[in-house]
């Protein structure tokens, strides 16, 4: 059974975070049942990102830090973006080793793209591509929003 732990901010924001994480697990990794995902809702003001993702001791444990003051859509989209990284890590598409991240290419070999511009790193390209559709689907299912 997957475990999702959310801390920080206020109760309704923690509930929203837990719902979004569980939705993303269902959408991206429906067969996985051994994930442990901790989410910290904190202030990231002054940082260059609204969210962070890190892998724990194995490819089933993750910690996310999300800016707590985002609008609802920004919050959901940021969580979805970070959950794409959880998907990438849990399916071994990315691996973190010695403070570097490696991407599994089509030939099955892992390559280091850390010297590539952030926006062109393959794990970020994929996460940005998927975050909007996850936001839209989440809102359609949970909010009745069709915009």
N, C-alpha and C. Protein backbone atom coordinates (compact mmCIF):
# COMPACT_ATOMS: atom_id res chain seq x y z
N UNK A 1 0.84 -1.18 0.00
CA UNK A 1 0.00 0.00 0.00
C UNK A 1 0.89 1.25 0.00
N UNK A 2 0.64 2.14 -0.92
CA UNK A 2 1.41 3.39 -1.00
C UNK A 2 1.14 4.24 0.24
N UNK A 3 2.16 4.99 0.63
CA UNK A 3 2.04 5.87 1.79
C UNK A 3 2.35 7.30 1.35
N UNK A 4 1.44 8.20 1.66
CA UNK A 4 1.62 9.62 1.34
C UNK A 4 1.51 10.39 2.64
N UNK A 5 2.55 11.14 2.97
CA UNK A 5 2.58 11.95 4.19
C UNK A 5 2.77 13.40 3.78
N UNK A 6 1.89 14.27 4.26
CA UNK A 6 1.97 15.69 3.92
C UNK A 6 2.07 16.48 5.22
N UNK A 7 3.03 17.41 5.24
CA UNK A 7 3.19 18.25 6.43
C UNK A 7 3.32 19.71 6.01
N UNK A 8 2.97 20.60 6.95
CA UNK A 8 3.10 22.03 6.71
C UNK A 8 1.80 22.66 6.25
N UNK A 9 1.83 23.96 6.09
CA UNK A 9 0.72 24.77 5.61
C UNK A 9 -0.53 24.55 6.46
N UNK A 10 -1.70 24.60 5.83
CA UNK A 10 -2.95 24.44 6.57
C UNK A 10 -3.69 23.20 6.07
N UNK A 11 -4.69 22.77 6.83
CA UNK A 11 -5.33 21.47 6.62
C UNK A 11 -5.87 21.29 5.19
N UNK A 12 -6.60 22.25 4.67
CA UNK A 12 -7.18 22.07 3.34
C UNK A 12 -6.10 21.96 2.26
N UNK A 13 -4.98 22.65 2.45
CA UNK A 13 -3.87 22.56 1.49
C UNK A 13 -3.19 21.19 1.59
N UNK A 14 -3.07 20.66 2.81
CA UNK A 14 -2.49 19.32 2.99
C UNK A 14 -3.39 18.26 2.35
N UNK A 15 -4.69 18.41 2.52
CA UNK A 15 -5.64 17.46 1.92
C UNK A 15 -5.55 17.52 0.40
N UNK A 16 -5.49 18.74 -0.16
CA UNK A 16 -5.36 18.90 -1.61
C UNK A 16 -4.07 18.22 -2.09
N UNK A 17 -2.96 18.45 -1.38
CA UNK A 17 -1.69 17.84 -1.77
C UNK A 17 -1.79 16.32 -1.76
N UNK A 18 -2.37 15.75 -0.73
CA UNK A 18 -2.51 14.30 -0.65
C UNK A 18 -3.37 13.78 -1.80
N UNK A 19 -4.45 14.48 -2.09
CA UNK A 19 -5.33 14.06 -3.20
C UNK A 19 -4.61 14.12 -4.54
N UNK A 20 -3.84 15.17 -4.78
CA UNK A 20 -3.12 15.32 -6.04
C UNK A 20 -2.05 14.23 -6.17
N UNK A 21 -1.31 13.97 -5.10
CA UNK A 21 -0.27 12.94 -5.15
C UNK A 21 -0.91 11.58 -5.44
N UNK A 22 -1.99 11.25 -4.76
CA UNK A 22 -2.66 9.96 -5.00
C UNK A 22 -3.22 9.88 -6.41
N UNK A 23 -3.75 10.99 -6.93
CA UNK A 23 -4.23 11.03 -8.31
C UNK A 23 -3.08 10.75 -9.28
N UNK A 24 -1.94 11.40 -9.05
CA UNK A 24 -0.79 11.21 -9.95
C UNK A 24 -0.25 9.79 -9.88
N UNK A 25 -0.26 9.20 -8.71
CA UNK A 25 0.15 7.79 -8.59
C UNK A 25 -0.78 6.93 -9.45
N UNK A 26 -2.06 7.17 -9.32
CA UNK A 26 -3.05 6.38 -10.08
C UNK A 26 -2.88 6.57 -11.59
N UNK A 27 -2.60 7.79 -12.00
CA UNK A 27 -2.46 8.10 -13.43
C UNK A 27 -1.14 7.60 -14.01
N UNK A 28 -0.06 7.81 -13.27
CA UNK A 28 1.28 7.55 -13.80
C UNK A 28 1.84 6.17 -13.45
N UNK A 29 1.44 5.66 -12.29
CA UNK A 29 2.05 4.42 -11.78
C UNK A 29 0.98 3.54 -11.13
N UNK A 30 -0.07 3.19 -11.84
CA UNK A 30 -1.21 2.51 -11.20
C UNK A 30 -0.88 1.16 -10.58
N UNK A 31 0.18 0.51 -11.02
CA UNK A 31 0.51 -0.81 -10.50
C UNK A 31 1.45 -0.76 -9.30
N UNK A 32 2.01 0.39 -9.02
CA UNK A 32 2.94 0.50 -7.90
C UNK A 32 2.18 0.59 -6.59
N UNK A 33 2.60 -0.22 -5.64
CA UNK A 33 1.92 -0.28 -4.34
C UNK A 33 2.88 -0.09 -3.18
N UNK A 34 4.14 0.24 -3.45
CA UNK A 34 5.14 0.32 -2.38
C UNK A 34 5.83 1.68 -2.33
N UNK A 35 5.17 2.72 -2.80
CA UNK A 35 5.76 4.05 -2.77
C UNK A 35 5.57 4.69 -1.40
N UNK A 36 6.55 5.44 -0.97
CA UNK A 36 6.46 6.26 0.23
C UNK A 36 6.84 7.68 -0.18
N UNK A 37 5.87 8.57 -0.16
CA UNK A 37 6.10 9.94 -0.64
C UNK A 37 5.79 10.91 0.49
N UNK A 38 6.78 11.68 0.88
CA UNK A 38 6.61 12.72 1.89
C UNK A 38 6.60 14.06 1.18
N UNK A 39 5.62 14.88 1.53
CA UNK A 39 5.48 16.20 0.92
C UNK A 39 5.56 17.25 2.02
N UNK A 40 6.46 18.20 1.87
CA UNK A 40 6.58 19.32 2.80
C UNK A 40 6.10 20.57 2.10
N UNK A 41 5.09 21.21 2.67
CA UNK A 41 4.56 22.45 2.13
C UNK A 41 5.22 23.58 2.89
N UNK A 42 6.13 24.27 2.22
CA UNK A 42 6.99 25.26 2.88
C UNK A 42 7.09 26.51 2.03
N UNK A 43 7.78 27.50 2.54
CA UNK A 43 8.07 28.70 1.76
C UNK A 43 9.37 28.49 1.00
N UNK A 44 9.29 28.63 -0.30
CA UNK A 44 10.48 28.54 -1.16
C UNK A 44 10.79 29.91 -1.77
N UNK A 45 10.25 30.96 -1.16
CA UNK A 45 10.50 32.31 -1.67
C UNK A 45 11.99 32.57 -1.69
N UNK A 46 12.46 33.18 -2.75
CA UNK A 46 13.88 33.44 -2.91
C UNK A 46 14.62 32.29 -3.60
N UNK A 47 13.94 31.17 -3.79
CA UNK A 47 14.52 30.04 -4.51
C UNK A 47 14.19 30.20 -6.00
N UNK A 48 14.79 29.39 -6.83
CA UNK A 48 14.53 29.50 -8.26
C UNK A 48 13.51 28.46 -8.75
N UNK A 49 12.73 27.89 -7.82
CA UNK A 49 11.74 26.89 -8.21
C UNK A 49 10.58 26.93 -7.22
N UNK A 50 9.43 26.44 -7.66
CA UNK A 50 8.26 26.31 -6.78
C UNK A 50 8.20 24.94 -6.13
N UNK A 51 9.02 24.02 -6.60
CA UNK A 51 9.01 22.69 -6.02
C UNK A 51 10.33 21.98 -6.23
N UNK A 52 10.59 21.00 -5.37
CA UNK A 52 11.80 20.19 -5.43
C UNK A 52 11.43 18.73 -5.23
N UNK A 53 12.24 17.87 -5.78
CA UNK A 53 12.04 16.43 -5.67
C UNK A 53 13.37 15.80 -5.30
N UNK A 54 13.34 14.85 -4.39
CA UNK A 54 14.56 14.09 -4.09
C UNK A 54 14.18 12.65 -3.78
N UNK A 55 15.07 11.77 -4.16
CA UNK A 55 14.87 10.34 -3.94
C UNK A 55 15.46 9.97 -2.60
N UNK A 56 14.81 9.07 -1.91
CA UNK A 56 15.31 8.57 -0.63
C UNK A 56 16.36 7.49 -0.83
N UNK A 57 16.34 6.49 0.02
CA UNK A 57 17.35 5.43 -0.02
C UNK A 57 17.17 4.47 -1.18
N UNK A 58 16.01 4.50 -1.81
CA UNK A 58 15.77 3.61 -2.95
C UNK A 58 14.77 4.26 -3.89
N UNK A 59 14.42 3.57 -4.96
CA UNK A 59 13.53 4.18 -5.95
C UNK A 59 12.05 4.02 -5.59
N UNK A 60 11.76 3.90 -4.30
CA UNK A 60 10.37 3.85 -3.82
C UNK A 60 10.10 4.91 -2.76
N UNK A 61 11.14 5.63 -2.34
CA UNK A 61 11.00 6.65 -1.31
C UNK A 61 11.35 8.03 -1.90
N UNK A 62 10.45 8.99 -1.70
CA UNK A 62 10.66 10.32 -2.27
C UNK A 62 10.24 11.40 -1.29
N UNK A 63 10.88 12.53 -1.43
CA UNK A 63 10.52 13.70 -0.64
C UNK A 63 10.32 14.87 -1.62
N UNK A 64 9.17 15.53 -1.47
CA UNK A 64 8.86 16.69 -2.30
C UNK A 64 8.76 17.91 -1.39
N UNK A 65 9.26 19.03 -1.85
CA UNK A 65 9.05 20.31 -1.18
C UNK A 65 8.31 21.20 -2.17
N UNK A 66 7.19 21.74 -1.72
CA UNK A 66 6.33 22.54 -2.59
C UNK A 66 6.07 23.88 -1.93
N UNK A 67 6.12 24.94 -2.72
CA UNK A 67 5.80 26.28 -2.23
C UNK A 67 4.34 26.30 -1.77
N UNK A 68 4.12 26.68 -0.53
CA UNK A 68 2.79 26.60 0.07
C UNK A 68 1.84 27.72 -0.35
N UNK A 69 2.37 28.84 -0.86
CA UNK A 69 1.52 30.00 -1.12
C UNK A 69 1.05 30.13 -2.58
N UNK A 70 1.25 29.11 -3.38
CA UNK A 70 0.85 29.16 -4.79
C UNK A 70 -0.68 29.20 -4.92
N UNK A 71 -1.15 29.71 -6.04
CA UNK A 71 -2.58 29.60 -6.32
C UNK A 71 -2.92 28.11 -6.44
N UNK A 72 -4.18 27.78 -6.39
CA UNK A 72 -4.57 26.36 -6.45
C UNK A 72 -4.07 25.69 -7.73
N UNK A 73 -4.26 26.33 -8.88
CA UNK A 73 -3.80 25.73 -10.14
C UNK A 73 -2.28 25.59 -10.18
N UNK A 74 -1.56 26.61 -9.72
CA UNK A 74 -0.09 26.53 -9.68
C UNK A 74 0.36 25.41 -8.74
N UNK A 75 -0.33 25.28 -7.62
CA UNK A 75 -0.01 24.26 -6.62
C UNK A 75 -0.19 22.86 -7.20
N UNK A 76 -1.34 22.63 -7.83
CA UNK A 76 -1.64 21.32 -8.43
C UNK A 76 -0.64 21.02 -9.54
N UNK A 77 -0.38 22.00 -10.39
CA UNK A 77 0.54 21.80 -11.51
C UNK A 77 1.96 21.53 -11.03
N UNK A 78 2.39 22.24 -9.99
CA UNK A 78 3.73 22.02 -9.44
C UNK A 78 3.84 20.63 -8.83
N UNK A 79 2.83 20.21 -8.08
CA UNK A 79 2.83 18.85 -7.53
C UNK A 79 2.86 17.82 -8.66
N UNK A 80 2.06 18.05 -9.70
CA UNK A 80 2.04 17.13 -10.84
C UNK A 80 3.43 17.05 -11.48
N UNK A 81 4.07 18.19 -11.64
CA UNK A 81 5.43 18.22 -12.22
C UNK A 81 6.38 17.37 -11.39
N UNK A 82 6.37 17.56 -10.08
CA UNK A 82 7.26 16.80 -9.21
C UNK A 82 6.89 15.32 -9.19
N UNK A 83 5.61 15.01 -9.32
CA UNK A 83 5.19 13.61 -9.37
C UNK A 83 5.63 12.94 -10.67
N UNK A 84 5.78 13.70 -11.74
CA UNK A 84 6.36 13.12 -12.96
C UNK A 84 7.80 12.69 -12.66
N UNK A 85 8.51 13.49 -11.87
CA UNK A 85 9.87 13.08 -11.48
C UNK A 85 9.84 11.82 -10.61
N UNK A 86 8.85 11.69 -9.74
CA UNK A 86 8.70 10.46 -8.94
C UNK A 86 8.48 9.29 -9.89
N UNK A 87 7.62 9.47 -10.87
CA UNK A 87 7.38 8.44 -11.89
C UNK A 87 8.68 8.07 -12.60
N UNK A 88 9.44 9.08 -13.00
CA UNK A 88 10.70 8.83 -13.70
C UNK A 88 11.67 8.05 -12.81
N UNK A 89 11.73 8.41 -11.55
CA UNK A 89 12.63 7.72 -10.64
C UNK A 89 12.18 6.31 -10.30
N UNK A 90 10.90 6.14 -10.08
CA UNK A 90 10.40 4.82 -9.67
C UNK A 90 10.40 3.82 -10.82
N UNK A 91 10.42 4.32 -12.05
CA UNK A 91 10.51 3.43 -13.21
C UNK A 91 11.94 3.37 -13.76
N UNK A 92 12.86 3.94 -13.00
CA UNK A 92 14.30 3.94 -13.32
C UNK A 92 14.64 4.65 -14.62
N UNK A 93 13.81 5.62 -15.00
CA UNK A 93 14.15 6.44 -16.16
C UNK A 93 15.20 7.48 -15.79
N UNK A 94 15.22 7.88 -14.52
CA UNK A 94 16.30 8.73 -14.02
C UNK A 94 16.92 8.05 -12.81
N UNK A 95 18.19 8.33 -12.62
CA UNK A 95 18.91 7.84 -11.45
C UNK A 95 19.78 8.96 -10.94
N UNK A 96 19.80 9.12 -9.63
CA UNK A 96 20.68 10.09 -9.00
C UNK A 96 21.87 9.36 -8.42
N UNK A 97 23.07 9.78 -8.81
CA UNK A 97 24.30 9.20 -8.31
C UNK A 97 25.33 10.30 -8.11
N UNK A 98 25.92 10.35 -6.95
CA UNK A 98 27.00 11.30 -6.66
C UNK A 98 26.62 12.73 -7.05
N UNK A 99 25.46 13.17 -6.61
CA UNK A 99 24.98 14.54 -6.87
C UNK A 99 24.74 14.84 -8.34
N UNK A 100 24.63 13.81 -9.14
CA UNK A 100 24.33 13.99 -10.56
C UNK A 100 23.12 13.14 -10.93
N UNK A 101 22.39 13.62 -11.90
CA UNK A 101 21.20 12.90 -12.37
C UNK A 101 21.49 12.33 -13.75
N UNK A 102 21.09 11.08 -13.94
CA UNK A 102 21.31 10.39 -15.21
C UNK A 102 19.96 9.99 -15.80
N UNK A 103 19.86 10.08 -17.12
CA UNK A 103 18.64 9.78 -17.86
C UNK A 103 18.84 8.52 -18.68
N UNK A 104 17.86 7.62 -18.62
CA UNK A 104 17.93 6.38 -19.41
C UNK A 104 17.47 6.68 -20.83
N UNK A 105 18.38 6.56 -21.76
CA UNK A 105 18.08 6.86 -23.16
C UNK A 105 17.42 5.66 -23.85
N UNK A 106 16.98 5.88 -25.08
CA UNK A 106 16.28 4.83 -25.82
C UNK A 106 17.13 3.58 -26.01
N UNK A 107 18.45 3.74 -26.02
CA UNK A 107 19.32 2.58 -26.19
C UNK A 107 19.53 1.80 -24.88
N UNK A 108 18.88 2.27 -23.81
CA UNK A 108 18.98 1.58 -22.52
C UNK A 108 20.15 2.02 -21.66
N UNK A 109 20.97 2.92 -22.19
CA UNK A 109 22.13 3.40 -21.44
C UNK A 109 21.78 4.70 -20.73
N UNK A 110 22.38 4.90 -19.56
CA UNK A 110 22.17 6.13 -18.80
C UNK A 110 23.20 7.17 -19.20
N UNK A 111 22.73 8.40 -19.40
CA UNK A 111 23.62 9.48 -19.78
C UNK A 111 23.45 10.66 -18.82
N UNK A 112 24.54 11.37 -18.62
CA UNK A 112 24.56 12.53 -17.76
C UNK A 112 24.19 13.77 -18.59
N UNK A 113 23.11 14.45 -18.20
CA UNK A 113 22.68 15.66 -18.89
C UNK A 113 22.78 16.88 -17.97
N UNK A 114 23.54 16.76 -16.91
CA UNK A 114 23.60 17.84 -15.92
C UNK A 114 24.24 19.11 -16.45
N UNK A 115 25.07 19.00 -17.48
CA UNK A 115 25.70 20.19 -18.05
C UNK A 115 24.83 20.84 -19.13
N UNK A 116 23.69 20.24 -19.41
CA UNK A 116 22.75 20.79 -20.38
C UNK A 116 21.88 21.82 -19.68
N UNK A 117 21.48 22.86 -20.41
CA UNK A 117 20.60 23.89 -19.87
C UNK A 117 19.38 23.23 -19.22
N UNK A 118 18.97 23.74 -18.06
CA UNK A 118 17.85 23.18 -17.28
C UNK A 118 16.63 22.85 -18.15
N UNK A 119 16.21 23.78 -18.97
CA UNK A 119 15.00 23.60 -19.77
C UNK A 119 15.15 22.52 -20.83
N UNK A 120 16.37 22.09 -21.11
CA UNK A 120 16.60 21.07 -22.13
C UNK A 120 16.96 19.71 -21.53
N UNK A 121 17.01 19.62 -20.21
CA UNK A 121 17.27 18.33 -19.58
C UNK A 121 16.07 17.43 -19.85
N UNK A 122 16.27 16.21 -20.30
CA UNK A 122 15.14 15.37 -20.74
C UNK A 122 14.09 15.12 -19.66
N UNK A 123 14.50 15.01 -18.40
CA UNK A 123 13.52 14.80 -17.34
C UNK A 123 12.66 16.03 -17.12
N UNK A 124 13.21 17.21 -17.35
CA UNK A 124 12.42 18.44 -17.22
C UNK A 124 11.51 18.64 -18.43
N UNK A 125 12.01 18.34 -19.61
CA UNK A 125 11.18 18.44 -20.81
C UNK A 125 9.93 17.58 -20.64
N UNK A 126 10.12 16.34 -20.18
CA UNK A 126 8.99 15.44 -19.99
C UNK A 126 8.05 15.95 -18.90
N UNK A 127 8.59 16.42 -17.78
CA UNK A 127 7.75 16.89 -16.68
C UNK A 127 6.93 18.11 -17.09
N UNK A 128 7.54 19.04 -17.79
CA UNK A 128 6.79 20.21 -18.26
C UNK A 128 5.74 19.83 -19.29
N UNK A 129 6.04 18.85 -20.12
CA UNK A 129 5.08 18.40 -21.12
C UNK A 129 3.84 17.75 -20.47
N UNK A 130 4.05 17.05 -19.37
CA UNK A 130 2.97 16.28 -18.75
C UNK A 130 2.18 17.04 -17.68
N UNK A 131 2.77 18.06 -17.06
CA UNK A 131 2.14 18.71 -15.92
C UNK A 131 0.79 19.35 -16.26
N UNK A 132 0.67 19.97 -17.42
CA UNK A 132 -0.58 20.63 -17.80
C UNK A 132 -1.73 19.66 -17.99
N UNK A 133 -1.45 18.53 -18.64
CA UNK A 133 -2.52 17.55 -18.86
C UNK A 133 -2.93 16.89 -17.54
N UNK A 134 -1.98 16.71 -16.63
CA UNK A 134 -2.34 16.16 -15.31
C UNK A 134 -3.20 17.15 -14.53
N UNK A 135 -2.86 18.43 -14.58
CA UNK A 135 -3.68 19.46 -13.94
C UNK A 135 -5.10 19.44 -14.51
N UNK A 136 -5.19 19.44 -15.83
CA UNK A 136 -6.50 19.46 -16.49
C UNK A 136 -7.34 18.24 -16.11
N UNK A 137 -6.75 17.07 -16.15
CA UNK A 137 -7.49 15.85 -15.82
C UNK A 137 -7.89 15.82 -14.35
N UNK A 138 -6.98 16.26 -13.47
CA UNK A 138 -7.31 16.31 -12.05
C UNK A 138 -8.53 17.20 -11.82
N UNK A 139 -8.52 18.38 -12.44
CA UNK A 139 -9.63 19.32 -12.25
C UNK A 139 -10.92 18.80 -12.85
N UNK A 140 -10.84 18.14 -14.00
CA UNK A 140 -12.04 17.56 -14.61
C UNK A 140 -12.66 16.52 -13.69
N UNK A 141 -11.83 15.67 -13.11
CA UNK A 141 -12.32 14.59 -12.27
C UNK A 141 -12.78 15.09 -10.90
N UNK A 142 -12.02 15.99 -10.31
CA UNK A 142 -12.26 16.38 -8.92
C UNK A 142 -13.00 17.70 -8.74
N UNK A 143 -13.00 18.52 -9.75
CA UNK A 143 -13.62 19.84 -9.61
C UNK A 143 -14.73 20.08 -10.63
N UNK A 144 -14.92 19.14 -11.54
CA UNK A 144 -15.92 19.34 -12.58
C UNK A 144 -15.54 20.43 -13.55
N UNK A 145 -14.27 20.81 -13.57
CA UNK A 145 -13.78 21.89 -14.42
C UNK A 145 -13.47 21.36 -15.80
N UNK A 146 -14.02 21.99 -16.81
CA UNK A 146 -13.77 21.57 -18.19
C UNK A 146 -13.04 22.65 -18.98
N UNK A 147 -12.54 23.68 -18.28
CA UNK A 147 -11.85 24.77 -19.00
C UNK A 147 -10.45 24.40 -19.40
